[in-house]
């Protein structure tokens, strides 16, 4: 057991060991999970003593709050961060442009585009540009400050928002919005070699690099926070709940509650509260399964709830508070009971199915042997011992006590027997 912490530590950092540069991908919409992914990657890069973290960007944008938190993670990390719009044909619009401006070194691959950073809001009619000066000026100030901080074009940073300016890689470099145009990661690391970033000189030419894989919790959270999937889960959950309440017995209401819970998480509801709710619901369903025996359907739903809740409950927190090793230990601690419960439930269902598929006991005893306890005479009943139990029995012949008999039939609770042999 003393070797377990060491094993977990080795498992977590195996992907960063020997890697001088860590690469994390931000694809699709920037969601609440995105800032946790960046935070987790930065911590892994710091603990692995990486030369730099490369954030590849290919995104249409995302939430402003999530974008601000990602920028805060980048500013607060001692690890140099290289923003890279990649691969060829990628775009980093809106939130992606703000993140690129906030990185220590900004780079783009050929045939990529940044810009169109005006804030928008979702309405019943679709996306609508935000015209409120308070919000627009706040985003402009953020973009200008990040550009100024890294010696980039402040005017272009403002026009990304106020004029929805768009630039390709060559235009962005000419306008001094980015520092490097590079076709691939290897070439990028050669280009930035020797730059002084955050007080250290980058030694990245020919460096090994590896792609960072987020934890299971963040992969699940990233999937759930996709706006389309979250809305779909909520909608399906509501209809399933209505169907289940109007047509009980199909388990649709259980699926509806789970679907609504996951949809609320995706739309920004507190992850910890929802995770605790899922675990509680899962335990209740498991107990209910053992009570009513529904061929495992309710039990399987319970296990799913416990597993999902356990994964989502594992904290990410801040780098100084929860290390990846601690997170993995907690994940194993929470999932282990779910696995044990699952094995137990599977065994219980297996035994239950064996019983249900077994031939009826009443017909199955014909031909079995028993032993008389009392003397049996025609027209009277006495007791026989059958499989350790006392049964009333009668016979058409006289049979002495302690005699082996064969069961030939059953009349209600009375066995019909004859002497063996």
Protein backbone atom coordinates (compact mmCIF):
# COMPACT_ATOMS: atom_id res chain seq x y z
CA UNK A 1 0.00 0.00 0.00
CA UNK A 2 2.92 2.35 0.61
CA UNK A 3 3.80 2.09 -3.06
CA UNK A 4 0.33 3.25 -4.18
CA UNK A 5 1.00 7.02 -3.93
CA UNK A 6 4.23 6.59 -5.88
CA UNK A 7 2.44 4.56 -8.55
CA UNK A 8 -0.31 7.17 -8.89
CA UNK A 9 2.27 9.95 -9.13
CA UNK A 10 4.12 8.04 -11.84
CA UNK A 11 0.88 7.36 -13.72
CA UNK A 12 -0.16 11.02 -13.76
CA UNK A 13 3.15 12.42 -14.89
CA UNK A 14 4.18 9.67 -17.28
CA UNK A 15 2.84 11.73 -20.18
CA UNK A 16 4.99 14.75 -19.25
CA UNK A 17 8.17 12.94 -18.21
CA UNK A 18 10.97 13.77 -20.62
CA UNK A 19 8.78 16.18 -22.58
CA UNK A 20 10.25 19.68 -22.77
CA UNK A 21 7.09 21.22 -24.22
CA UNK A 22 3.48 20.42 -23.43
CA UNK A 23 0.69 21.04 -25.97
CA UNK A 24 -2.97 21.44 -25.05
CA UNK A 25 -5.76 21.84 -27.59
CA UNK A 26 -8.68 24.27 -27.32
CA UNK A 27 -11.08 23.23 -30.05
CA UNK A 28 -14.70 24.13 -30.68
CA UNK A 29 -16.54 26.42 -28.24
CA UNK A 30 -14.80 27.83 -25.18
CA UNK A 31 -16.85 26.40 -22.28
CA UNK A 32 -16.58 26.31 -18.46
CA UNK A 33 -14.49 23.16 -18.86
CA UNK A 34 -11.97 24.94 -21.10
CA UNK A 35 -10.48 27.09 -18.34
CA UNK A 36 -10.12 24.01 -16.10
CA UNK A 37 -8.35 22.19 -18.93
CA UNK A 38 -5.89 25.09 -19.36
CA UNK A 39 -5.36 25.29 -15.59
CA UNK A 40 -4.72 21.56 -15.36
CA UNK A 41 -2.30 21.65 -18.30
CA UNK A 42 -0.38 24.60 -16.85
CA UNK A 43 -0.01 22.79 -13.53
CA UNK A 44 1.22 19.63 -15.29
CA UNK A 45 3.71 21.74 -17.27
CA UNK A 46 4.95 23.39 -14.07
CA UNK A 47 5.35 20.12 -12.18
CA UNK A 48 7.02 18.56 -15.21
CA UNK A 49 9.42 21.53 -15.51
CA UNK A 50 8.40 22.03 -19.15
CA UNK A 51 10.02 24.75 -21.22
CA UNK A 52 6.61 26.03 -22.34
CA UNK A 53 2.96 25.24 -22.79
CA UNK A 54 1.58 25.56 -26.32
CA UNK A 55 -2.16 26.26 -26.53
CA UNK A 56 -3.44 25.41 -30.01
CA UNK A 57 -6.56 27.37 -30.90
CA UNK A 58 -9.32 26.46 -33.34
CA UNK A 59 -12.50 27.95 -31.93
CA UNK A 60 -15.48 30.10 -32.94
CA UNK A 61 -15.41 31.72 -29.48
CA UNK A 62 -17.22 31.15 -26.23
CA UNK A 63 -18.16 32.59 -22.86
CA UNK A 64 -16.56 35.80 -21.65
CA UNK A 65 -16.21 34.61 -18.06
CA UNK A 66 -14.44 31.43 -19.14
CA UNK A 67 -12.15 33.48 -21.39
CA UNK A 68 -11.23 35.81 -18.54
CA UNK A 69 -10.38 32.86 -16.28
CA UNK A 70 -8.15 31.35 -18.97
CA UNK A 71 -6.34 34.69 -19.29
CA UNK A 72 -5.89 34.80 -15.51
CA UNK A 73 -4.41 31.29 -15.55
CA UNK A 74 -1.96 32.34 -18.28
CA UNK A 75 -0.92 35.52 -16.43
CA UNK A 76 -0.49 33.71 -13.12
CA UNK A 77 1.53 30.79 -14.41
CA UNK A 78 5.35 30.83 -14.26
CA UNK A 79 5.39 28.59 -17.34
CA UNK A 80 5.75 30.49 -20.67
CA UNK A 81 2.59 30.13 -22.74
CA UNK A 82 2.63 30.09 -26.55
CA UNK A 83 -0.69 30.69 -28.28
CA UNK A 84 -0.86 29.03 -31.68
CA UNK A 85 -3.78 29.15 -34.15
CA UNK A 86 -3.40 25.73 -35.70
CA UNK A 87 -3.79 23.70 -37.93
CA UNK A 88 -4.02 25.12 -41.43
CA UNK A 89 -7.51 26.51 -42.01
CA UNK A 90 -8.19 27.02 -38.29
CA UNK A 91 -9.84 30.13 -36.87
CA UNK A 92 -9.59 31.81 -33.48
CA UNK A 93 -12.51 34.18 -33.49
CA UNK A 94 -13.96 36.13 -30.58
CA UNK A 95 -12.76 34.50 -27.32
CA UNK A 96 -9.98 32.75 -29.25
CA UNK A 97 -8.56 36.13 -30.33
CA UNK A 98 -8.60 37.43 -26.74
CA UNK A 99 -6.80 34.32 -25.50
CA UNK A 100 -4.19 34.65 -28.27
CA UNK A 101 -3.56 38.30 -27.30
CA UNK A 102 -3.01 37.20 -23.70
CA UNK A 103 -0.38 34.55 -24.44
CA UNK A 104 3.32 35.28 -23.95
CA UNK A 105 4.12 34.38 -27.56
CA UNK A 106 1.42 34.60 -30.25
CA UNK A 107 1.72 32.49 -33.39
CA UNK A 108 -0.44 31.42 -36.32
CA UNK A 109 -0.19 28.78 -38.99
CA UNK A 110 -0.56 29.91 -42.62
CA UNK A 111 -4.16 30.20 -43.88
CA UNK A 112 -5.60 30.76 -40.42
CA UNK A 113 -7.73 33.72 -39.27
CA UNK A 114 -8.31 35.68 -36.06
CA UNK A 115 -10.77 38.47 -35.25
CA UNK A 116 -14.55 39.11 -35.02
CA UNK A 117 -14.43 39.60 -31.27
CA UNK A 118 -17.50 41.79 -30.74
CA UNK A 119 -19.56 40.40 -27.82
CA UNK A 120 -22.85 38.75 -28.75
CA UNK A 121 -25.81 37.46 -26.78
CA UNK A 122 -28.15 34.55 -27.43
CA UNK A 123 -31.80 35.48 -28.02
CA UNK A 124 -34.87 33.66 -29.27
CA UNK A 125 -34.01 35.00 -32.72
CA UNK A 126 -30.41 33.76 -32.61
CA UNK A 127 -27.17 35.64 -31.94
CA UNK A 128 -27.38 39.40 -31.53
CA UNK A 129 -24.42 41.82 -31.17
CA UNK A 130 -24.12 43.45 -27.76
CA UNK A 131 -24.32 47.22 -28.16
CA UNK A 132 -24.25 48.20 -24.48
CA UNK A 133 -21.22 50.46 -24.04
CA UNK A 134 -20.44 49.19 -20.56
CA UNK A 135 -19.87 45.64 -21.79
CA UNK A 136 -18.18 46.59 -25.06
CA UNK A 137 -15.79 49.05 -23.37
CA UNK A 138 -14.88 46.44 -20.76
CA UNK A 139 -13.94 43.90 -23.43
CA UNK A 140 -12.03 46.56 -25.40
CA UNK A 141 -10.08 47.51 -22.29
CA UNK A 142 -9.22 43.86 -21.65
CA UNK A 143 -7.99 43.34 -25.23
CA UNK A 144 -5.98 46.58 -25.24
CA UNK A 145 -4.37 45.79 -21.91
CA UNK A 146 -3.30 42.31 -23.03
CA UNK A 147 -1.91 43.69 -26.30
CA UNK A 148 -0.02 46.43 -24.43
CA UNK A 149 1.30 43.92 -21.88
CA UNK A 150 2.97 41.88 -24.63
CA UNK A 151 4.03 44.76 -26.88
CA UNK A 152 1.41 44.19 -29.56
CA UNK A 153 -0.75 46.45 -31.71
CA UNK A 154 -3.23 48.09 -29.31
CA UNK A 155 -5.25 49.68 -32.14
CA UNK A 156 -5.80 46.34 -33.86
CA UNK A 157 -6.76 44.78 -30.53
CA UNK A 158 -9.51 47.41 -30.18
CA UNK A 159 -10.71 47.02 -33.75
CA UNK A 160 -11.11 43.26 -33.30
CA UNK A 161 -14.03 44.20 -31.05
CA UNK A 162 -15.39 47.52 -32.28
CA UNK A 163 -14.99 46.86 -36.02
CA UNK A 164 -14.99 43.03 -36.05
CA UNK A 165 -11.57 43.20 -37.72
CA UNK A 166 -10.30 39.92 -39.20
CA UNK A 167 -6.67 39.17 -40.07
CA UNK A 168 -4.93 36.20 -41.63
CA UNK A 169 -1.54 35.03 -40.40
CA UNK A 170 0.58 37.27 -42.64
CA UNK A 171 -1.58 40.34 -41.97
CA UNK A 172 -1.52 39.69 -38.23
CA UNK A 173 2.28 39.48 -38.19
CA UNK A 174 2.64 42.59 -40.33
CA UNK A 175 0.29 44.45 -37.98
CA UNK A 176 2.39 43.26 -35.01
CA UNK A 177 -0.51 41.37 -33.47
CA UNK A 178 1.49 38.13 -33.43
CA UNK A 179 5.20 37.31 -33.43
CA UNK A 180 5.45 34.09 -35.44
CA UNK A 181 3.95 32.51 -38.55
CA UNK A 182 4.81 28.80 -38.62
CA UNK A 183 3.35 25.79 -40.50
CA UNK A 184 3.77 23.25 -37.69
CA UNK A 185 4.67 22.76 -34.05
CA UNK A 186 8.24 21.62 -34.76
CA UNK A 187 8.89 24.73 -36.85
CA UNK A 188 7.20 26.89 -34.20
CA UNK A 189 9.50 25.59 -31.47
CA UNK A 190 12.50 26.39 -33.65
CA UNK A 191 11.19 29.93 -34.31
CA UNK A 192 10.66 30.78 -30.62
CA UNK A 193 13.96 29.26 -29.49
CA UNK A 194 16.07 31.86 -27.70
CA UNK A 195 13.17 34.22 -26.86
CA UNK A 196 13.10 35.55 -23.31
CA UNK A 197 9.68 34.95 -21.77
CA UNK A 198 8.72 35.41 -18.12
CA UNK A 199 12.34 35.77 -17.14
CA UNK A 200 13.59 32.63 -18.82
CA UNK A 201 15.22 31.97 -22.19
CA UNK A 202 13.32 29.40 -24.21
CA UNK A 203 15.36 26.37 -25.23
CA UNK A 204 12.88 24.72 -27.56
CA UNK A 205 14.68 24.05 -30.85
CA UNK A 206 14.34 20.33 -31.50
CA UNK A 207 12.60 19.85 -28.16
CA UNK A 208 10.35 16.89 -27.54
CA UNK A 209 6.68 17.75 -27.16
CA UNK A 210 3.60 15.83 -26.12
CA UNK A 211 -0.11 16.53 -26.25
CA UNK A 212 -1.76 16.88 -22.88
CA UNK A 213 -4.77 14.66 -22.20
CA UNK A 214 -7.24 16.19 -19.73
CA UNK A 215 -8.52 14.15 -16.80
CA UNK A 216 -11.64 12.02 -17.19
CA UNK A 217 -13.64 14.55 -15.19
CA UNK A 218 -12.73 17.39 -17.54
CA UNK A 219 -13.31 15.31 -20.66
CA UNK A 220 -16.81 14.53 -19.41
CA UNK A 221 -17.40 18.13 -18.34
CA UNK A 222 -16.16 19.41 -21.69
CA UNK A 223 -18.64 17.12 -23.44
CA UNK A 224 -21.55 18.15 -21.23
CA UNK A 225 -20.86 21.87 -21.53
CA UNK A 226 -21.28 21.81 -25.28
CA UNK A 227 -24.26 24.20 -25.64
CA UNK A 228 -26.07 22.02 -28.17
CA UNK A 229 -25.68 18.82 -26.13
CA UNK A 230 -26.61 20.56 -22.86
CA UNK A 231 -29.81 21.98 -24.37
CA UNK A 232 -30.66 18.62 -25.93
CA UNK A 233 -30.16 16.79 -22.61
CA UNK A 234 -32.42 19.28 -20.85
CA UNK A 235 -35.13 18.99 -23.50
CA UNK A 236 -35.02 15.18 -23.65
CA UNK A 237 -34.98 15.03 -19.84
CA UNK A 238 -38.13 17.15 -19.53
CA UNK A 239 -40.05 15.06 -22.09
CA UNK A 240 -38.83 11.82 -20.48
CA UNK A 241 -39.90 13.03 -17.04
CA UNK A 242 -43.38 13.96 -18.34
CA UNK A 243 -43.71 10.61 -20.12
CA UNK A 244 -42.51 8.70 -17.06
CA UNK A 245 -44.96 10.42 -14.73
CA UNK A 246 -47.91 9.85 -17.07
CA UNK A 247 -46.94 6.28 -17.99
CA UNK A 248 -45.23 4.77 -14.94
CA UNK A 249 -43.37 1.50 -15.14
CA UNK A 250 -40.99 2.18 -18.04
CA UNK A 251 -38.24 3.97 -16.10
CA UNK A 252 -38.48 7.08 -18.29
CA UNK A 253 -38.78 9.33 -15.24
CA UNK A 254 -35.44 8.05 -13.93
CA UNK A 255 -33.76 8.73 -17.26
CA UNK A 256 -35.42 12.16 -17.29
CA UNK A 257 -34.01 13.14 -13.90
CA UNK A 258 -30.50 12.03 -14.91
CA UNK A 259 -30.72 13.83 -18.25
CA UNK A 260 -31.97 17.06 -16.66
CA UNK A 261 -29.17 16.95 -14.07
CA UNK A 262 -26.50 16.55 -16.76
CA UNK A 263 -28.12 19.27 -18.88
CA UNK A 264 -28.10 21.71 -15.96
CA UNK A 265 -24.40 20.99 -15.39
CA UNK A 266 -23.75 21.76 -19.05
CA UNK A 267 -25.63 25.06 -18.80
CA UNK A 268 -23.56 26.23 -15.83
CA UNK A 269 -25.31 24.76 -12.77
CA UNK A 270 -23.00 24.04 -9.82
CA UNK A 271 -21.07 20.89 -10.68
CA UNK A 272 -20.51 19.84 -7.05
CA UNK A 273 -24.18 20.16 -6.07
CA UNK A 274 -25.29 18.24 -9.16
CA UNK A 275 -22.63 15.57 -8.54
CA UNK A 276 -23.78 15.04 -4.95
CA UNK A 277 -27.38 14.84 -6.18
CA UNK A 278 -26.41 12.20 -8.76
CA UNK A 279 -24.58 10.11 -6.16
CA UNK A 280 -27.56 10.33 -3.78
CA UNK A 281 -29.97 9.42 -6.56
CA UNK A 282 -27.75 6.51 -7.59
CA UNK A 283 -27.63 5.08 -4.06
CA UNK A 284 -31.43 5.40 -3.75
CA UNK A 285 -31.92 3.59 -7.07
CA UNK A 286 -29.57 0.78 -6.01
CA UNK A 287 -31.48 0.26 -2.77
CA UNK A 288 -34.77 0.38 -4.67
CA UNK A 289 -33.45 -2.23 -7.13
CA UNK A 290 -32.64 -4.62 -4.29
CA UNK A 291 -36.14 -4.10 -2.90
CA UNK A 292 -38.28 -4.45 -6.04
CA UNK A 293 -35.98 -6.50 -8.34
CA UNK A 294 -36.54 -4.98 -11.79
CA UNK A 295 -34.15 -7.25 -13.73
CA UNK A 296 -31.32 -4.71 -13.08
CA UNK A 297 -32.67 -1.76 -15.09
CA UNK A 298 -33.03 0.52 -12.06
CA UNK A 299 -29.78 -0.80 -10.62
CA UNK A 300 -27.86 -0.03 -13.82
CA UNK A 301 -29.28 3.49 -13.76
CA UNK A 302 -28.14 3.77 -10.15
CA UNK A 303 -24.60 2.69 -10.97
CA UNK A 304 -24.48 5.17 -13.87
CA UNK A 305 -25.57 7.96 -11.50
CA UNK A 306 -22.95 7.01 -8.88
CA UNK A 307 -20.14 6.80 -11.47
CA UNK A 308 -21.06 10.11 -13.17
CA UNK A 309 -21.45 11.86 -9.83
CA UNK A 310 -18.13 10.49 -8.57
CA UNK A 311 -16.27 11.64 -11.67
CA UNK A 312 -17.81 15.13 -11.58
CA UNK A 313 -17.24 15.50 -7.83
CA UNK A 314 -13.45 15.15 -8.08
CA UNK A 315 -12.12 18.68 -7.50
CA UNK A 316 -9.75 20.43 -9.86
CA UNK A 317 -9.31 23.53 -7.71
CA UNK A 318 -6.19 25.63 -7.90
CA UNK A 319 -2.71 24.29 -8.59
CA UNK A 320 -1.50 24.87 -5.04
CA UNK A 321 -4.53 23.21 -3.49
CA UNK A 322 -5.15 19.98 -5.40
CA UNK A 323 -2.32 18.17 -7.12
CA UNK A 324 -3.07 15.75 -9.98
CA UNK A 325 -1.92 12.94 -7.70
CA UNK A 326 -4.53 13.91 -5.11
CA UNK A 327 -7.22 14.15 -7.79
CA UNK A 328 -6.41 10.65 -9.07
CA UNK A 329 -6.43 9.22 -5.53
CA UNK A 330 -9.82 10.79 -4.86
CA UNK A 331 -11.17 9.58 -8.20
CA UNK A 332 -10.13 6.01 -7.38
CA UNK A 333 -11.58 6.33 -3.87
CA UNK A 334 -14.94 7.46 -5.23
CA UNK A 335 -15.12 5.01 -8.13
CA UNK A 336 -14.09 1.96 -6.11
CA UNK A 337 -17.43 1.76 -4.19
CA UNK A 338 -19.31 2.14 -7.48
CA UNK A 339 -17.35 -0.77 -8.96
CA UNK A 340 -17.98 -2.92 -5.87
CA UNK A 341 -21.69 -2.06 -5.96
CA UNK A 342 -21.78 -2.88 -9.65
CA UNK A 343 -20.17 -6.30 -9.13
CA UNK A 344 -22.51 -7.03 -6.23
CA UNK A 345 -25.56 -5.98 -8.24
CA UNK A 346 -24.46 -8.07 -11.23
CA UNK A 347 -24.04 -11.10 -8.94
CA UNK A 348 -27.45 -10.50 -7.35
CA UNK A 349 -29.11 -10.20 -10.77
CA UNK A 350 -27.35 -13.37 -11.93
CA UNK A 351 -28.59 -15.35 -8.92
CA UNK A 352 -32.08 -13.88 -9.32
CA UNK A 353 -32.20 -14.94 -12.97
CA UNK A 354 -31.03 -18.44 -11.98
CA UNK A 355 -33.93 -18.69 -9.56
CA UNK A 356 -36.45 -17.38 -12.10
CA UNK A 357 -35.24 -19.74 -14.81
CA UNK A 358 -35.26 -22.77 -12.50
CA UNK A 359 -38.13 -25.21 -12.96
CA UNK A 360 -40.96 -24.86 -10.40
CA UNK A 361 -40.14 -26.47 -7.08
CA UNK A 362 -43.56 -28.07 -6.71
CA UNK A 363 -43.10 -30.13 -9.87
CA UNK A 364 -39.42 -30.66 -9.38
CA UNK A 365 -39.71 -32.68 -6.17
CA UNK A 366 -41.45 -35.62 -7.87
CA UNK A 367 -38.98 -38.47 -7.98
CA UNK A 368 -36.88 -37.15 -5.09
CA UNK A 369 -36.32 -39.23 -1.98
CA UNK A 370 -37.29 -38.47 1.62
CA UNK A 371 -37.23 -40.29 4.98
CA UNK A 372 -40.24 -41.10 7.12
CA UNK A 373 -40.36 -39.78 10.67
CA UNK A 374 -43.73 -41.25 11.64
CA UNK A 375 -45.31 -44.52 10.64
CA UNK A 376 -47.43 -44.11 7.54
CA UNK A 377 -50.57 -46.18 7.04
CA UNK A 378 -53.25 -45.97 4.34
CA UNK A 379 -55.82 -43.27 5.10
CA UNK A 380 -53.60 -41.39 7.60
CA UNK A 381 -50.85 -38.79 7.32
CA UNK A 382 -47.53 -38.48 9.03
CA UNK A 383 -44.30 -36.55 8.72
CA UNK A 384 -41.32 -37.14 6.44
CA UNK A 385 -38.02 -35.29 6.25
CA UNK A 386 -37.27 -33.83 2.81
CA UNK A 387 -34.10 -31.74 2.27
CA UNK A 388 -33.95 -30.96 6.00
CA UNK A 389 -37.60 -29.86 6.19
CA UNK A 390 -40.61 -31.59 7.74
CA UNK A 391 -43.47 -32.31 5.30
CA UNK A 392 -46.84 -33.94 5.80
CA UNK A 393 -47.10 -37.14 3.74
CA UNK A 394 -49.40 -40.09 3.07
CA UNK A 395 -49.02 -43.44 1.41
CA UNK A 396 -51.24 -46.22 0.07
CA UNK A 397 -49.08 -48.74 1.89
CA UNK A 398 -47.81 -49.17 5.41
CA UNK A 399 -44.30 -47.71 5.86
CA UNK A 400 -42.19 -47.90 9.00
CA UNK A 401 -40.40 -44.83 10.52
CA UNK A 402 -36.89 -44.03 9.29
CA UNK A 403 -37.59 -45.63 5.93
CA UNK A 404 -36.46 -44.20 2.59
CA UNK A 405 -39.41 -43.24 0.43
CA UNK A 406 -39.90 -41.84 -3.08
CA UNK A 407 -42.13 -38.81 -3.67
CA UNK A 408 -44.66 -39.69 -6.36
CA UNK A 409 -46.90 -36.61 -6.20
CA UNK A 410 -48.31 -33.78 -4.14
CA UNK A 411 -51.81 -33.00 -2.90
CA UNK A 412 -51.81 -29.41 -1.64
CA UNK A 413 -49.27 -29.36 1.18
CA UNK A 414 -49.23 -33.15 1.56
CA UNK A 415 -46.65 -35.29 -0.24
CA UNK A 416 -47.68 -38.61 -1.74
CA UNK A 417 -44.93 -41.23 -1.23
CA UNK A 418 -44.16 -44.88 -1.66
CA UNK A 419 -41.45 -47.05 -0.17
CA UNK A 420 -38.15 -46.84 -2.03
CA UNK A 421 -37.10 -49.94 -3.93
